[in-house]
C-alpha atoms as a PDB file:
ATOM      1  CA  MET A   1     -15.175  40.986 128.470  1.00  0.00           C
ATOM      2  CA  GLN A   2     -11.456  41.119 128.235  1.00  0.00           C
ATOM      3  CA  HIS A   3     -11.666  39.613 124.792  1.00  0.00           C
ATOM      4  CA  ALA A   4     -14.162  42.304 123.657  1.00  0.00           C
ATOM      5  CA  ASP A   5     -11.923  45.127 124.926  1.00  0.00           C
ATOM      6  CA  TRP A   6      -8.930  43.614 123.165  1.00  0.00           C
ATOM      7  CA  ALA A   7     -10.949  43.301 119.932  1.00  0.00           C
ATOM      8  CA  ARG A   8     -12.021  46.960 120.101  1.00  0.00           C
ATOM      9  CA  THR A   9      -8.448  48.058 120.676  1.00  0.00           C
ATOM     10  CA  ALA A  10      -7.274  45.874 117.814  1.00  0.00           C
ATOM     11  CA  ASP A  11      -9.987  47.308 115.546  1.00  0.00           C
ATOM     12  CA  LEU A  12      -8.879  50.865 116.391  1.00  0.00           C
ATOM     13  CA  GLY A  13      -5.264  49.967 115.662  1.00  0.00           C
ATOM     14  CA  ILE A  14      -6.247  48.485 112.306  1.00  0.00           C
ATOM     15  CA  LEU A  15      -8.301  51.571 111.424  1.00  0.00           C
ATOM     16  CA  GLU A  16      -5.376  53.836 112.260  1.00  0.00           C
ATOM     17  CA  ARG A  17      -3.032  51.717 110.151  1.00  0.00           C
ATOM     18  CA  MET A  18      -5.514  51.666 107.254  1.00  0.00           C
ATOM     19  CA  GLN A  19      -5.709  55.455 107.333  1.00  0.00           C
ATOM     20  CA  GLU A  20      -1.927  55.558 107.021  1.00  0.00           C
ATOM     21  CA  LEU A  21      -1.963  53.270 103.977  1.00  0.00           C
ATOM     22  CA  ARG A  22      -2.258  54.787 100.549  1.00  0.00           C
ATOM     23  CA  CYS A  23      -3.963  52.910  97.779  1.00  0.00           C
ATOM     24  CA  PHE A  24      -3.219  53.348  94.074  1.00  0.00           C
ATOM     25  CA  SER A  25      -5.925  53.374  91.431  1.00  0.00           C
ATOM     26  CA  ASP A  26      -5.021  49.820  90.409  1.00  0.00           C
ATOM     27  CA  GLY A  27      -5.971  48.592  93.896  1.00  0.00           C
ATOM     28  CA  ARG A  28      -2.497  47.847  95.257  1.00  0.00           C
ATOM     29  CA  PHE A  29      -1.183  49.467  98.418  1.00  0.00           C
ATOM     30  CA  ALA A  30       1.862  51.690  98.398  1.00  0.00           C
ATOM     31  CA  THR A  31       5.071  50.630 100.035  1.00  0.00           C
ATOM     32  CA  LYS A  32       6.593  52.663 102.870  1.00  0.00           C
ATOM     33  CA  LEU A  33       9.098  54.154 100.419  1.00  0.00           C
ATOM     34  CA  GLU A  34       6.311  55.146  97.997  1.00  0.00           C
ATOM     35  CA  VAL A  35       4.312  56.683 100.839  1.00  0.00           C
ATOM     36  CA  ALA A  36       7.388  58.627 101.988  1.00  0.00           C
ATOM     37  CA  ASN A  37       7.849  60.055  98.474  1.00  0.00           C
ATOM     38  CA  MET A  38       4.192  60.973  98.003  1.00  0.00           C
ATOM     39  CA  PRO A  39       3.356  64.657  98.263  1.00  0.00           C
ATOM     40  CA  SER A  40       1.684  65.502 101.526  1.00  0.00           C
ATOM     41  CA  ASN A  41      -1.111  67.937 102.147  1.00  0.00           C
ATOM     42  CA  LYS A  42       1.054  69.961 104.526  1.00  0.00           C
ATOM     43  CA  PRO A  43       2.271  72.473 101.875  1.00  0.00           C
ATOM     44  CA  VAL A  44      -1.319  72.958 100.740  1.00  0.00           C
ATOM     45  CA  GLU A  45      -2.453  73.483 104.320  1.00  0.00           C
ATOM     46  CA  LYS A  46       0.398  75.961 104.854  1.00  0.00           C
ATOM     47  CA  ALA A  47      -0.587  77.775 101.661  1.00  0.00           C
ATOM     48  CA  HIS A  48      -4.200  77.997 102.842  1.00  0.00           C
ATOM     49  CA  GLY A  49      -3.016  79.380 106.167  1.00  0.00           C
ATOM     50  CA  THR A  50      -0.788  81.906 104.420  1.00  0.00           C
ATOM     51  CA  VAL A  51      -3.603  82.960 102.100  1.00  0.00           C
ATOM     52  CA  ASP A  52      -5.908  83.396 105.084  1.00  0.00           C
ATOM     53  CA  GLN A  53      -3.293  85.517 106.886  1.00  0.00           C
ATOM     54  CA  VAL A  54      -2.753  87.683 103.806  1.00  0.00           C
ATOM     55  CA  ALA A  55      -6.511  88.059 103.353  1.00  0.00           C
ATOM     56  CA  ASP A  56      -6.901  89.129 106.991  1.00  0.00           C
ATOM     57  CA  LYS A  57      -4.103  91.684 106.654  1.00  0.00           C
ATOM     58  CA  LEU A  58      -5.590  93.007 103.420  1.00  0.00           C
ATOM     59  CA  HIS A  59      -8.972  93.384 105.114  1.00  0.00           C
ATOM     60  CA  ASP A  60      -7.286  95.356 107.900  1.00  0.00           C
ATOM     61  CA  VAL A  61      -5.505  97.573 105.361  1.00  0.00           C
ATOM     62  CA  VAL A  62      -8.727  98.191 103.439  1.00  0.00           C
ATOM     63  CA  ASP A  63     -10.580  99.033 106.655  1.00  0.00           C
ATOM     64  CA  LYS A  64      -7.858 101.496 107.704  1.00  0.00           C
ATOM     65  CA  ALA A  65      -7.801 103.046 104.224  1.00  0.00           C
ATOM     66  CA  ALA A  66     -11.578 103.442 104.228  1.00  0.00           C
ATOM     67  CA  GLU A  67     -11.423 105.059 107.652  1.00  0.00           C
ATOM     68  CA  SER A  68      -8.651 107.420 106.531  1.00  0.00           C
ATOM     69  CA  LEU A  69     -10.502 108.283 103.351  1.00  0.00           C
ATOM     70  CA  GLY A  70     -13.654 108.990 105.324  1.00  0.00           C
ATOM     71  CA  THR A  71     -11.720 111.364 107.573  1.00  0.00           C
ATOM     72  CA  ALA A  72     -10.053 112.998 104.564  1.00  0.00           C
ATOM     73  CA  GLU A  73     -13.421 113.351 102.831  1.00  0.00           C
ATOM     74  CA  GLU A  74     -14.907 115.069 105.881  1.00  0.00           C
ATOM     75  CA  ARG A  75     -11.925 117.420 106.071  1.00  0.00           C
ATOM     76  CA  LEU A  76     -12.163 118.228 102.347  1.00  0.00           C
ATOM     77  CA  ARG A  77     -15.887 118.878 102.597  1.00  0.00           C
ATOM     78  CA  GLY A  78     -15.276 121.259 105.502  1.00  0.00           C
ATOM     79  CA  GLU A  79     -12.566 123.096 103.581  1.00  0.00           C
ATOM     80  CA  ALA A  80     -14.808 123.281 100.503  1.00  0.00           C
ATOM     81  CA  ARG A  81     -17.622 124.804 102.600  1.00  0.00           C
ATOM     82  CA  GLU A  82     -15.166 127.292 104.062  1.00  0.00           C
ATOM     83  CA  ALA A  83     -13.816 128.203 100.605  1.00  0.00           C
ATOM     84  CA  ALA A  84     -17.358 128.599  99.237  1.00  0.00           C
ATOM     85  CA  GLY A  85     -18.150 130.959 102.122  1.00  0.00           C
ATOM     86  CA  LYS A  86     -15.054 133.032 101.359  1.00  0.00           C
ATOM     87  CA  VAL A  87     -15.989 133.190  97.659  1.00  0.00           C
ATOM     88  CA  ARG A  88     -19.481 134.392  98.593  1.00  0.00           C
ATOM     89  CA  GLU A  89     -17.996 137.048 100.865  1.00  0.00           C
ATOM     90  CA  GLY A  90     -15.614 138.149  98.085  1.00  0.00           C
ATOM     91  CA  LYS A  91     -18.476 138.346  95.602  1.00  0.00           C
ATOM     92  CA  GLU A  92     -20.566 140.431  97.993  1.00  0.00           C
ATOM     93  CA  PHE A  93     -17.601 142.730  98.677  1.00  0.00           C
ATOM     94  CA  ALA A  94     -16.898 143.166  94.936  1.00  0.00           C
ATOM     95  CA  CYS A  95     -20.551 143.907  94.157  1.00  0.00           C
ATOM     96  CA  THR A  96     -20.822 146.404  96.997  1.00  0.00           C
ATOM     97  CA  ARG A  97     -17.515 148.069  96.118  1.00  0.00           C
ATOM     98  CA  GLY A  98     -18.441 148.202  92.409  1.00  0.00           C
ATOM     99  CA  GLU A  99     -21.756 149.869  93.168  1.00  0.00           C
ATOM    100  CA  GLU A 100     -19.975 152.397  95.380  1.00  0.00           C
ATOM    101  CA  LEU A 101     -17.475 153.244  92.620  1.00  0.00           C
ATOM    102  CA  VAL A 102     -20.217 153.624  89.991  1.00  0.00           C
ATOM    103  CA  GLY A 103     -22.044 155.944  92.365  1.00  0.00           C
ATOM    104  CA  LYS A 104     -18.903 158.047  92.944  1.00  0.00           C
ATOM    105  CA  VAL A 105     -18.161 158.307  89.197  1.00  0.00           C
ATOM    106  CA  THR A 106     -21.756 159.279  88.478  1.00  0.00           C
ATOM    107  CA  ASP A 107     -21.624 161.966  91.161  1.00  0.00           C
ATOM    108  CA  TYR A 108     -18.266 163.270  89.824  1.00  0.00           C
ATOM    109  CA  VAL A 109     -19.584 163.493  86.234  1.00  0.00           C
ATOM    110  CA  ARG A 110     -22.687 165.402  87.430  1.00  0.00           C
ATOM    111  CA  GLU A 111     -20.595 167.811  89.462  1.00  0.00           C
ATOM    112  CA  ASN A 112     -17.789 168.266  86.839  1.00  0.00           C
ATOM    113  CA  PRO A 113     -19.166 167.528  83.364  1.00  0.00           C
ATOM    114  CA  LEU A 114     -16.407 169.338  81.376  1.00  0.00           C
ATOM    115  CA  THR A 115     -13.582 167.705  83.329  1.00  0.00           C
ATOM    116  CA  ALA A 116     -15.225 164.289  82.872  1.00  0.00           C
ATOM    117  CA  LEU A 117     -15.513 164.972  79.109  1.00  0.00           C
ATOM    118  CA  GLY A 118     -11.786 165.901  78.954  1.00  0.00           C
ATOM    119  CA  ILE A 119     -10.799 162.783  80.887  1.00  0.00           C
ATOM    120  CA  ALA A 120     -12.908 160.633  78.548  1.00  0.00           C
ATOM    121  CA  PHE A 121     -11.313 162.287  75.466  1.00  0.00           C
ATOM    122  CA  VAL A 122      -7.735 161.706  76.768  1.00  0.00           C
ATOM    123  CA  ALA A 123      -8.537 158.107  77.737  1.00  0.00           C
ATOM    124  CA  GLY A 124     -10.044 157.454  74.289  1.00  0.00           C
ATOM    125  CA  SER A 125      -7.008 158.977  72.542  1.00  0.00           C
ATOM    126  CA  ILE A 126      -4.597 156.817  74.555  1.00  0.00           C
ATOM    127  CA  PHE A 127      -6.685 153.707  73.884  1.00  0.00           C
ATOM    128  CA  SER A 128      -6.800 154.456  70.155  1.00  0.00           C
ATOM    129  CA  ALA A 129      -3.023 155.066  69.976  1.00  0.00           C
ATOM    130  CA  LEU A 130      -2.322 151.783  71.732  1.00  0.00           C
ATOM    131  CA  ASN A 131      -4.586 149.854  69.361  1.00  0.00           C
ATOM    132  CA  ARG A 132      -2.958 151.372  66.240  1.00  0.00           C
ATOM    133  CA  ARG A 133       0.480 150.074  67.219  1.00  0.00           C
ATOM    134  CA  ARG A 134      -0.672 146.490  67.282  1.00  0.00           C
END
């Protein structure tokens, strides 16, 4: 059994050594100097790691931006609703106030028809004079 254990250990050592050896396309093995000068996969592995780190950071940035935009969108929608409400209130106020003024003018003309006619004549004369100058 000692011989079998030694053989297994020897086989493992040979396998490890064979993995270290590099073979060219013509079938010959590289020398230690050629192996030392061969490019290793370490820069590629580092590049993959760097790319993965950058991708993770970009995902985090995109997630934060989406969250911020969602919050900003909600805030803008709320402000838009508030502004629309104020516009509606302004419209209602203007309509109500306009109707009140028309009612007051109508009442004034009924109560003072000659004064209203004089005011209309003076206003028309001023309007006409202003338009002639242009």
